Amino acid sequence: MHLLNEELWFPPVSETHPSGILAVGGDLSTERLLLAYHSGIFPWFEDGEPITWWAPDWRMVLFLDDLKVSKSMRNILNRGIFKVTFNQAFKAVIANCQSVKREGQHGTWITDDMIAAYVKLHELGHAKSVEVWQNGELVGGLYGVDLGSIFCGESMFSKVSNASKVAFIHLVECLKKNNYLLLDCQVYNEHLESLGCVEIERDAFMTILNHREE
């Protein structure tokens, strides 16, 4: 595990600790965040903890053609009960992702400094959001970092049933239309698996990421 200072660099992901942690320290500057994502690394830590950078052995991803949409979900989409927009309320989306209560989770890894850093990424065109509205109210959404042909999802929220799924499905449809290679979801959870996401080895993920860079 490496300790970062002000120098703008990361060790190779092959030096990641078995826990999935590659390095600790550094900052959340735009330059460092972009270097991290382009290197297959992401930040993940709770308020009061040092900045921690991850590159786990297994990566949760969605190959876009493998998206699973249930019949009931298709019915919800066809009914048009939600309005979906892109990049219209980024700060509101990330603020909701920070504040929403999650089962089995006491705090949040989306700190105020993290919000400021990703809002700046958004203003520079590197971070994107999907918003889901119902009766004029923001009821769901997600945000992430856009690498051009890979989208790195960060977090999503839902205030009403299925709103985050609607955001996810619309994002995937948009990525497919624009010939993206992959949706990176970082770490495993059952909800993502139900939508078609799978875990792949870090080396396989890095091969896809590096192909994107060519």
Protein backbone atom coordinates (compact mmCIF):
# COMPACT_ATOMS: atom_id res chain seq x y z
CA MET A 1 0.00 0.00 0.00
CA HIS A 2 1.50 3.31 -1.08
CA LEU A 3 1.38 6.69 0.64
CA LEU A 4 0.80 9.59 -1.77
CA ASN A 5 2.01 13.15 -1.38
CA GLU A 6 1.65 16.23 -3.56
CA GLU A 7 3.34 14.58 -6.54
CA LEU A 8 0.80 13.67 -9.23
CA TRP A 9 1.26 9.92 -9.73
CA PHE A 10 -0.13 6.49 -8.87
CA PRO A 11 1.67 3.18 -8.54
CA PRO A 12 0.70 0.46 -11.04
CA VAL A 13 -2.49 -1.38 -10.13
CA SER A 14 -0.51 -4.63 -9.99
CA GLU A 15 0.82 -3.38 -6.63
CA THR A 16 -2.66 -3.24 -5.06
CA HIS A 17 -2.98 -4.75 -1.58
CA PRO A 18 -5.20 -7.88 -1.36
CA SER A 19 -7.80 -5.68 0.39
CA GLY A 20 -8.22 -3.75 -2.86
CA ILE A 21 -6.46 -0.63 -1.58
CA LEU A 22 -3.68 0.69 -3.79
CA ALA A 23 -2.74 3.96 -2.08
CA VAL A 24 -3.68 6.44 0.63
CA GLY A 25 -3.33 10.22 0.63
CA GLY A 26 -2.92 12.78 -2.10
CA ASP A 27 -5.84 15.05 -2.93
CA LEU A 28 -9.08 15.25 -4.90
CA SER A 29 -7.81 17.66 -7.54
CA THR A 30 -9.26 17.39 -11.02
CA GLU A 31 -5.90 16.27 -12.38
CA ARG A 32 -5.48 13.48 -9.83
CA LEU A 33 -9.05 12.23 -10.19
CA LEU A 34 -8.75 12.04 -13.97
CA LEU A 35 -5.39 10.28 -13.70
CA ALA A 36 -6.97 7.80 -11.29
CA TYR A 37 -9.92 6.90 -13.50
CA HIS A 38 -7.77 6.65 -16.61
CA SER A 39 -5.52 4.28 -14.63
CA GLY A 40 -8.31 2.01 -13.39
CA ILE A 41 -8.34 3.50 -9.88
CA PHE A 42 -11.14 5.13 -7.89
CA PRO A 43 -11.42 6.91 -4.51
CA TRP A 44 -13.58 5.43 -1.75
CA PHE A 45 -13.45 6.48 1.90
CA GLU A 46 -15.70 7.79 4.65
CA ASP A 47 -15.78 11.23 6.22
CA GLY A 48 -12.89 11.66 8.65
CA GLU A 49 -10.76 9.00 6.94
CA PRO A 50 -7.75 9.68 4.71
CA ILE A 51 -8.33 9.67 0.95
CA THR A 52 -8.14 6.02 -0.08
CA TRP A 53 -7.59 4.81 -3.65
CA TRP A 54 -8.86 1.43 -4.81
CA ALA A 55 -8.14 -1.00 -7.66
CA PRO A 56 -9.68 -4.29 -6.44
CA ASP A 57 -8.87 -7.71 -7.88
CA TRP A 58 -12.44 -8.04 -9.17
CA ARG A 59 -14.36 -5.28 -10.90
CA MET A 60 -18.16 -5.06 -11.21
CA VAL A 61 -19.05 -4.04 -14.77
CA LEU A 62 -21.91 -4.11 -17.23
CA PHE A 63 -21.35 -5.21 -20.80
CA LEU A 64 -24.05 -3.05 -22.31
CA ASP A 65 -25.78 -5.77 -24.33
CA ASP A 66 -26.26 -7.77 -21.12
CA LEU A 67 -28.60 -5.28 -19.43
CA LYS A 68 -31.52 -7.08 -17.78
CA VAL A 69 -34.89 -5.31 -17.85
CA SER A 70 -37.78 -7.20 -16.28
CA LYS A 71 -41.27 -7.23 -17.79
CA SER A 72 -42.58 -5.18 -14.88
CA MET A 73 -39.80 -2.65 -15.39
CA ARG A 74 -40.56 -2.41 -19.10
CA ASN A 75 -44.18 -1.72 -18.18
CA ILE A 76 -43.10 1.13 -15.91
CA LEU A 77 -40.92 2.59 -18.67
CA ASN A 78 -43.73 2.33 -21.22
CA ARG A 79 -46.21 4.05 -18.92
CA GLY A 80 -44.10 7.21 -18.98
CA ILE A 81 -44.63 8.03 -15.31
CA PHE A 82 -41.09 9.40 -15.06
CA LYS A 83 -39.31 12.11 -17.01
CA VAL A 84 -35.60 11.54 -17.57
CA THR A 85 -32.97 14.21 -18.25
CA PHE A 86 -29.19 14.25 -18.57
CA ASN A 87 -26.84 16.76 -16.90
CA GLN A 88 -29.60 19.12 -15.81
CA ALA A 89 -29.17 18.85 -12.02
CA PHE A 90 -25.77 17.31 -11.32
CA LYS A 91 -25.23 18.95 -7.94
CA ALA A 92 -28.71 17.98 -6.76
CA VAL A 93 -28.11 14.37 -7.80
CA ILE A 94 -24.80 14.03 -5.97
CA ALA A 95 -26.26 15.78 -2.91
CA ASN A 96 -29.12 13.28 -2.84
CA CYS A 97 -26.68 10.40 -3.24
CA GLN A 98 -24.88 11.76 -0.18
CA SER A 99 -27.96 12.21 2.00
CA VAL A 100 -30.13 9.20 1.11
CA LYS A 101 -30.33 6.58 3.84
CA ARG A 102 -29.07 3.15 2.80
CA GLU A 103 -29.79 -0.13 4.52
CA GLY A 104 -26.87 -1.33 6.63
CA GLN A 105 -24.88 1.86 6.10
CA HIS A 106 -24.36 4.33 8.95
CA GLY A 107 -22.46 7.08 7.18
CA THR A 108 -21.62 8.18 3.67
CA TRP A 109 -18.48 8.01 1.57
CA ILE A 110 -19.62 11.08 -0.39
CA THR A 111 -18.02 13.82 1.68
CA ASP A 112 -18.48 17.55 1.12
CA ASP A 113 -14.97 17.67 -0.37
CA MET A 114 -15.93 14.83 -2.70
CA ILE A 115 -19.01 16.74 -3.85
CA ALA A 116 -16.94 19.85 -4.56
CA ALA A 117 -14.41 17.81 -6.53
CA TYR A 118 -16.99 16.04 -8.70
CA VAL A 119 -19.00 19.20 -9.30
CA LYS A 120 -15.78 20.69 -10.69
CA LEU A 121 -15.30 17.60 -12.86
CA HIS A 122 -18.87 18.09 -14.11
CA GLU A 123 -18.27 21.74 -14.92
CA LEU A 124 -15.27 20.66 -17.01
CA GLY A 125 -17.37 18.04 -18.83
CA HIS A 126 -15.83 14.94 -17.24
CA ALA A 127 -18.63 13.97 -14.84
CA LYS A 128 -22.21 13.38 -15.95
CA SER A 129 -25.58 12.84 -14.31
CA VAL A 130 -28.94 11.28 -15.12
CA GLU A 131 -32.01 12.76 -13.43
CA VAL A 132 -35.40 11.12 -12.93
CA TRP A 133 -38.39 13.39 -12.28
CA GLN A 134 -41.95 12.75 -11.17
CA ASN A 135 -44.48 15.58 -11.08
CA GLY A 136 -41.63 18.08 -11.30
CA GLU A 137 -39.72 16.61 -8.34
CA LEU A 138 -36.29 14.99 -8.55
CA VAL A 139 -36.98 11.45 -7.32
CA GLY A 140 -33.96 9.52 -8.56
CA GLY A 141 -30.72 9.69 -10.45
CA LEU A 142 -27.10 8.71 -10.77
CA TYR A 143 -23.74 10.26 -11.58
CA GLY A 144 -20.32 9.13 -12.72
CA VAL A 145 -17.16 9.94 -14.63
CA ASP A 146 -17.19 9.78 -18.43
CA LEU A 147 -13.95 8.53 -20.01
CA GLY A 148 -15.26 8.76 -23.57
CA SER A 149 -16.06 5.11 -24.25
CA ILE A 150 -16.21 3.83 -20.68
CA PHE A 151 -18.56 5.34 -18.10
CA CYS A 152 -17.53 4.94 -14.47
CA GLY A 153 -20.68 4.94 -12.35
CA GLU A 154 -20.24 6.37 -8.87
CA SER A 155 -23.56 6.35 -7.03
CA MET A 156 -27.32 6.46 -7.53
CA PHE A 157 -30.33 7.26 -5.39
CA SER A 158 -34.05 6.69 -5.39
CA LYS A 159 -36.81 8.45 -3.44
CA VAL A 160 -39.59 6.40 -5.01
CA SER A 161 -39.64 2.79 -6.12
CA ASN A 162 -37.73 2.02 -9.35
CA ALA A 163 -36.48 5.59 -9.96
CA SER A 164 -32.79 4.65 -9.82
CA LYS A 165 -33.42 1.68 -12.13
CA VAL A 166 -35.02 4.05 -14.63
CA ALA A 167 -31.91 6.25 -14.50
CA PHE A 168 -29.64 3.23 -14.93
CA ILE A 169 -31.57 1.85 -17.91
CA HIS A 170 -31.64 5.23 -19.69
CA LEU A 171 -27.91 5.63 -19.10
CA VAL A 172 -27.18 2.22 -20.62
CA GLU A 173 -29.37 2.95 -23.64
CA CYS A 174 -27.51 6.23 -24.17
CA LEU A 175 -24.10 4.53 -23.84
CA LYS A 176 -25.11 1.86 -26.35
CA LYS A 177 -26.21 4.45 -28.89
CA ASN A 178 -22.83 6.13 -28.58
CA ASN A 179 -20.82 2.89 -28.90
CA TYR A 180 -19.38 2.81 -25.40
CA LEU A 181 -17.46 -0.31 -24.46
CA LEU A 182 -18.45 -0.71 -20.84
CA LEU A 183 -20.22 0.65 -17.77
CA ASP A 184 -17.88 0.37 -14.79
CA CYS A 185 -19.79 -0.17 -11.53
CA GLN A 186 -16.65 -0.75 -9.42
CA VAL A 187 -17.74 -3.14 -6.63
CA TYR A 188 -20.26 -5.96 -6.34
CA ASN A 189 -23.77 -5.65 -4.97
CA GLU A 190 -26.87 -7.74 -5.55
CA HIS A 191 -28.86 -4.86 -7.06
CA LEU A 192 -26.27 -4.38 -9.80
CA GLU A 193 -26.15 -8.12 -10.43
CA SER A 194 -29.93 -8.16 -10.94
CA LEU A 195 -29.47 -5.59 -13.71
CA GLY A 196 -26.96 -7.75 -15.57
CA CYS A 197 -23.65 -6.61 -14.09
CA VAL A 198 -20.87 -9.16 -13.59
CA GLU A 199 -17.48 -9.26 -11.90
CA ILE A 200 -14.40 -9.51 -14.08
CA GLU A 201 -10.77 -9.77 -13.07
CA ARG A 202 -8.82 -6.55 -12.77
CA ASP A 203 -6.48 -7.57 -15.62
CA ALA A 204 -9.45 -8.04 -17.93
CA PHE A 205 -10.82 -4.64 -16.93
CA MET A 206 -7.44 -3.00 -17.52
CA THR A 207 -7.21 -4.59 -20.98
CA ILE A 208 -10.53 -3.00 -21.92
CA LEU A 209 -9.52 0.32 -20.36
CA ASN A 210 -6.19 0.36 -22.18
CA HIS A 211 -7.90 -0.55 -25.47
CA ARG A 212 -10.06 2.54 -24.97
CA GLU A 213 -6.89 4.62 -24.73
CA GLU A 214 -5.52 3.44 -28.08
